[in-house]
Amino acid sequence: MLDDLISREPDVIKVCGKNRKIHWLHNGTVRKFSHIMIKDKNPWRRNVKVCACVFLNRKYGFMTWLLLWSWHWIYWRWLYYIRDIDQVEVAKVLDCAKKKFSWIH
């Protein structure tokens, strides 16, 4: 586990039948994450929005900013209304994401 932390390897989790890589969260993702946690009062919708932020986080910072700015509002609605992501899967994503907060890059 120490080697994974040092080498900054992404975690792989299975969500909605796909393997997803969860990389270290960039500052823009952390900011969006915090904003959603404070503003949204519906806990289920809030968790799906945060899950969408984590899925849109990419290895490169500019790509993350571009995806969060342009696709977040569509993607969380797709997960919430159409895909109807399971609460257990959202909990797995949030559990993995809380390990990926990095204050020092």
C-alpha atoms as a PDB file:
ATOM      1  CA  MET A   1       0.000   0.000   0.000  1.00  0.00           C
ATOM      2  CA  LEU A   2       2.905   2.351   0.690  1.00  0.00           C
ATOM      3  CA  ASP A   3       4.244   1.763  -2.825  1.00  0.00           C
ATOM      4  CA  ASP A   4       0.858   2.725  -4.292  1.00  0.00           C
ATOM      5  CA  LEU A   5       0.890   5.978  -2.333  1.00  0.00           C
ATOM      6  CA  ILE A   6       4.416   6.831  -3.370  1.00  0.00           C
ATOM      7  CA  SER A   7       3.911   5.986  -7.034  1.00  0.00           C
ATOM      8  CA  ARG A   8       0.478   7.671  -7.063  1.00  0.00           C
ATOM      9  CA  GLU A   9      -1.207   4.780  -8.854  1.00  0.00           C
ATOM     10  CA  PRO A  10      -4.943   5.100  -9.556  1.00  0.00           C
ATOM     11  CA  ASP A  11      -7.374   2.761  -7.826  1.00  0.00           C
ATOM     12  CA  VAL A  12      -9.586   0.586 -10.012  1.00  0.00           C
ATOM     13  CA  ILE A  13     -13.171  -0.035  -8.893  1.00  0.00           C
ATOM     14  CA  LYS A  14     -16.100  -1.665 -10.651  1.00  0.00           C
ATOM     15  CA  VAL A  15     -19.114   0.639 -11.057  1.00  0.00           C
ATOM     16  CA  CYS A  16     -22.121   0.070 -13.339  1.00  0.00           C
ATOM     17  CA  GLY A  17     -20.443  -2.984 -14.849  1.00  0.00           C
ATOM     18  CA  LYS A  18     -17.302  -1.064 -15.885  1.00  0.00           C
ATOM     19  CA  ASN A  19     -13.877  -0.803 -14.353  1.00  0.00           C
ATOM     20  CA  ARG A  20     -13.159   2.828 -13.496  1.00  0.00           C
ATOM     21  CA  LYS A  21      -9.844   4.346 -12.496  1.00  0.00           C
ATOM     22  CA  ILE A  22      -9.951   6.853  -9.669  1.00  0.00           C
ATOM     23  CA  HIS A  23      -6.929   9.155  -9.916  1.00  0.00           C
ATOM     24  CA  TRP A  24      -5.740  11.656  -7.352  1.00  0.00           C
ATOM     25  CA  LEU A  25      -8.244  14.504  -7.202  1.00  0.00           C
ATOM     26  CA  HIS A  26      -7.129  17.825  -8.652  1.00  0.00           C
ATOM     27  CA  ASN A  27      -7.759  21.161  -6.960  1.00  0.00           C
ATOM     28  CA  GLY A  28     -10.660  21.988  -9.301  1.00  0.00           C
ATOM     29  CA  THR A  29     -12.342  18.682  -8.488  1.00  0.00           C
ATOM     30  CA  VAL A  30     -11.864  19.209  -4.764  1.00  0.00           C
ATOM     31  CA  ARG A  31     -13.322  22.706  -5.062  1.00  0.00           C
ATOM     32  CA  LYS A  32     -16.368  21.447  -7.005  1.00  0.00           C
ATOM     33  CA  PHE A  33     -16.688  18.558  -4.529  1.00  0.00           C
ATOM     34  CA  SER A  34     -16.742  20.974  -1.573  1.00  0.00           C
ATOM     35  CA  HIS A  35     -19.158  23.365  -3.284  1.00  0.00           C
ATOM     36  CA  ILE A  36     -21.650  20.561  -3.953  1.00  0.00           C
ATOM     37  CA  MET A  37     -21.391  19.202  -0.402  1.00  0.00           C
ATOM     38  CA  ILE A  38     -22.218  22.628   1.037  1.00  0.00           C
ATOM     39  CA  LYS A  39     -24.939  23.789  -1.378  1.00  0.00           C
ATOM     40  CA  ASP A  40     -27.054  20.716  -2.176  1.00  0.00           C
ATOM     41  CA  LYS A  41     -29.488  19.683   0.576  1.00  0.00           C
ATOM     42  CA  ASN A  42     -30.821  16.453  -0.996  1.00  0.00           C
ATOM     43  CA  PRO A  43     -28.328  13.787   0.191  1.00  0.00           C
ATOM     44  CA  TRP A  44     -28.922  11.259  -2.604  1.00  0.00           C
ATOM     45  CA  ARG A  45     -28.644  13.835  -5.402  1.00  0.00           C
ATOM     46  CA  ARG A  46     -25.620  15.395  -3.686  1.00  0.00           C
ATOM     47  CA  ASN A  47     -23.792  12.062  -3.592  1.00  0.00           C
ATOM     48  CA  VAL A  48     -24.488  11.399  -7.276  1.00  0.00           C
ATOM     49  CA  LYS A  49     -23.206  14.877  -8.190  1.00  0.00           C
ATOM     50  CA  VAL A  50     -20.014  14.270  -6.231  1.00  0.00           C
ATOM     51  CA  CYS A  51     -19.678  10.859  -7.852  1.00  0.00           C
ATOM     52  CA  ALA A  52     -19.903  12.548 -11.269  1.00  0.00           C
ATOM     53  CA  CYS A  53     -17.106  14.930 -10.222  1.00  0.00           C
ATOM     54  CA  VAL A  54     -14.894  12.006  -9.295  1.00  0.00           C
ATOM     55  CA  PHE A  55     -15.619  10.234 -12.592  1.00  0.00           C
ATOM     56  CA  LEU A  56     -14.794  13.371 -14.594  1.00  0.00           C
ATOM     57  CA  ASN A  57     -11.469  13.825 -12.791  1.00  0.00           C
ATOM     58  CA  ARG A  58      -8.638  13.008 -15.185  1.00  0.00           C
ATOM     59  CA  LYS A  59      -4.910  12.565 -14.927  1.00  0.00           C
ATOM     60  CA  TYR A  60      -4.217  15.973 -16.476  1.00  0.00           C
ATOM     61  CA  GLY A  61      -5.470  19.121 -14.730  1.00  0.00           C
ATOM     62  CA  PHE A  62      -6.623  21.092 -17.779  1.00  0.00           C
ATOM     63  CA  MET A  63      -8.705  18.168 -19.040  1.00  0.00           C
ATOM     64  CA  THR A  64     -10.341  17.869 -15.618  1.00  0.00           C
ATOM     65  CA  TRP A  65     -11.221  21.563 -15.588  1.00  0.00           C
ATOM     66  CA  LEU A  66     -12.655  21.369 -19.108  1.00  0.00           C
ATOM     67  CA  LEU A  67     -14.793  18.305 -18.337  1.00  0.00           C
ATOM     68  CA  LEU A  68     -16.080  19.701 -15.044  1.00  0.00           C
ATOM     69  CA  TRP A  69     -16.936  23.008 -16.659  1.00  0.00           C
ATOM     70  CA  SER A  70     -18.643  21.584 -19.748  1.00  0.00           C
ATOM     71  CA  TRP A  71     -20.050  18.112 -18.932  1.00  0.00           C
ATOM     72  CA  HIS A  72     -20.765  17.923 -15.210  1.00  0.00           C
ATOM     73  CA  TRP A  73     -24.337  19.231 -15.422  1.00  0.00           C
ATOM     74  CA  ILE A  74     -25.225  16.646 -18.106  1.00  0.00           C
ATOM     75  CA  TYR A  75     -23.289  13.747 -16.611  1.00  0.00           C
ATOM     76  CA  TRP A  76     -24.736  13.854 -13.099  1.00  0.00           C
ATOM     77  CA  ARG A  77     -28.249  13.997 -14.503  1.00  0.00           C
ATOM     78  CA  TRP A  78     -27.495  10.998 -16.708  1.00  0.00           C
ATOM     79  CA  LEU A  79     -26.237   9.074 -13.664  1.00  0.00           C
ATOM     80  CA  TYR A  80     -29.159  10.197 -11.500  1.00  0.00           C
ATOM     81  CA  TYR A  81     -32.173   9.936 -13.833  1.00  0.00           C
ATOM     82  CA  ILE A  82     -31.233   7.572 -16.654  1.00  0.00           C
ATOM     83  CA  ARG A  83     -28.520   5.254 -15.341  1.00  0.00           C
ATOM     84  CA  ASP A  84     -29.999   5.222 -11.802  1.00  0.00           C
ATOM     85  CA  ILE A  85     -26.699   4.397 -10.139  1.00  0.00           C
ATOM     86  CA  ASP A  86     -26.967   2.177  -7.058  1.00  0.00           C
ATOM     87  CA  GLN A  87     -26.295   3.571  -3.572  1.00  0.00           C
ATOM     88  CA  VAL A  88     -23.749   0.838  -2.878  1.00  0.00           C
ATOM     89  CA  GLU A  89     -21.783   1.825  -5.973  1.00  0.00           C
ATOM     90  CA  VAL A  90     -21.894   5.499  -4.999  1.00  0.00           C
ATOM     91  CA  ALA A  91     -20.610   4.572  -1.537  1.00  0.00           C
ATOM     92  CA  LYS A  92     -17.707   2.645  -3.128  1.00  0.00           C
ATOM     93  CA  VAL A  93     -16.802   5.650  -5.277  1.00  0.00           C
ATOM     94  CA  LEU A  94     -16.954   8.073  -2.352  1.00  0.00           C
ATOM     95  CA  ASP A  95     -14.910   5.718  -0.173  1.00  0.00           C
ATOM     96  CA  CYS A  96     -12.223   5.497  -2.836  1.00  0.00           C
ATOM     97  CA  ALA A  97     -12.336   9.254  -3.503  1.00  0.00           C
ATOM     98  CA  LYS A  98     -11.749  10.195   0.121  1.00  0.00           C
ATOM     99  CA  LYS A  99      -8.417   8.339  -0.084  1.00  0.00           C
ATOM    100  CA  LYS A 100      -7.442  10.333  -3.162  1.00  0.00           C
ATOM    101  CA  PHE A 101      -7.464  13.839  -1.691  1.00  0.00           C
ATOM    102  CA  SER A 102      -3.961  15.182  -2.118  1.00  0.00           C
ATOM    103  CA  TRP A 103      -3.067  18.518  -0.591  1.00  0.00           C
ATOM    104  CA  ILE A 104       0.504  18.318  -1.819  1.00  0.00           C
ATOM    105  CA  HIS A 105       1.082  17.555  -5.502  1.00  0.00           C
END
